[in-house]
Protein backbone atom coordinates (compact mmCIF):
# COMPACT_ATOMS: atom_id res chain seq x y z
CA MET A 1 -162.19 -188.08 94.88
CA ALA A 2 -165.78 -189.07 95.40
CA LYS A 3 -168.42 -189.38 92.84
CA MET A 4 -171.76 -187.89 93.51
CA THR A 5 -175.11 -187.96 91.54
CA VAL A 6 -177.50 -185.17 91.98
CA ARG A 7 -180.93 -184.65 90.57
CA LEU A 8 -181.70 -181.21 89.39
CA PRO A 9 -184.53 -179.43 87.39
CA ASP A 10 -183.50 -179.02 83.85
CA ASP A 11 -183.44 -175.22 83.88
CA LEU A 12 -181.17 -175.24 86.97
CA THR A 13 -178.81 -177.81 85.34
CA ASP A 14 -178.82 -175.63 82.11
CA ALA A 15 -177.91 -172.58 84.26
CA ILE A 16 -175.22 -174.41 86.02
CA LYS A 17 -173.66 -175.65 82.77
CA ALA A 18 -173.63 -172.18 81.25
CA GLU A 19 -172.08 -170.64 84.43
CA ALA A 20 -169.38 -173.50 84.81
CA ASN A 21 -168.02 -172.87 81.33
CA GLY A 22 -167.69 -176.80 80.63
CA ASN A 23 -166.34 -177.69 84.09
CA VAL A 24 -169.36 -178.61 86.08
CA SER A 25 -167.46 -180.49 88.76
CA ALA A 26 -164.96 -177.68 89.65
CA TRP A 27 -167.78 -175.22 89.68
CA VAL A 28 -169.91 -177.46 91.99
CA ALA A 29 -166.87 -178.02 94.25
CA LYS A 30 -166.15 -174.28 94.45
CA VAL A 31 -169.77 -173.35 95.19
CA CYS A 32 -169.83 -176.05 97.91
CA GLU A 33 -166.69 -174.84 99.50
CA GLU A 34 -167.89 -171.37 99.60
CA ALA A 35 -171.21 -172.46 101.14
CA LEU A 36 -169.29 -174.53 103.90
CA LEU A 37 -167.06 -171.44 104.63
CA ARG A 38 -170.12 -169.20 104.98
CA ALA A 39 -171.80 -171.85 107.30
CA ALA A 40 -168.58 -171.92 109.44
CA VAL A 41 -168.57 -168.09 109.72
CA ARG A 42 -172.17 -168.02 110.61
CA MET A 43 -171.58 -170.71 113.36
CA GLU A 44 -168.62 -168.73 114.72
CA LEU A 45 -170.77 -165.56 114.86
CA ALA A 46 -173.51 -167.23 116.50
CA ALA A 47 -171.15 -168.61 119.18
CA GLU A 48 -169.62 -165.18 119.54
CA ARG A 49 -173.02 -163.68 120.29
CA LYS A 50 -173.51 -166.35 122.98
CA VAL A 51 -169.98 -166.09 124.55
CA PRO A 52 -168.27 -162.80 123.42
CA GLY A 53 -164.93 -163.86 124.80
CA ALA A 54 -164.80 -166.98 122.51
CA PHE A 55 -163.80 -164.97 119.41
CA ILE A 56 -160.37 -165.99 118.11
CA SER A 57 -157.94 -163.58 116.62
CA HIS A 58 -157.87 -162.68 112.98
CA GLU A 59 -154.49 -164.35 112.57
CA ASP A 60 -155.77 -167.54 114.18
CA ARG A 61 -159.00 -167.27 111.98
CA GLU A 62 -156.93 -167.14 108.82
CA ALA A 63 -154.83 -170.14 109.81
CA GLU A 64 -158.08 -172.11 110.56
CA MET A 65 -159.67 -171.24 107.30
CA GLU A 66 -156.40 -172.25 105.41
CA GLU A 67 -156.52 -175.63 107.18
CA PHE A 68 -160.28 -175.98 106.44
CA ARG A 69 -159.59 -175.29 102.79
CA SER A 70 -156.83 -177.93 102.51
């Protein structure tokens, strides 16, 4: 595991602490993972628009996402 220090405004920090129910590290990790998955999907959709034949099957996509998550 890596340790990361982030500076945030107090109101944002308070909101995160409240939402995280005491486990800020796990909450931040989950939010970051979800953001990375959304970015990967956006990149894939952008590539699909450029080259329609490049889209992989849903089964392949699920396997790829499982590998990405691990």
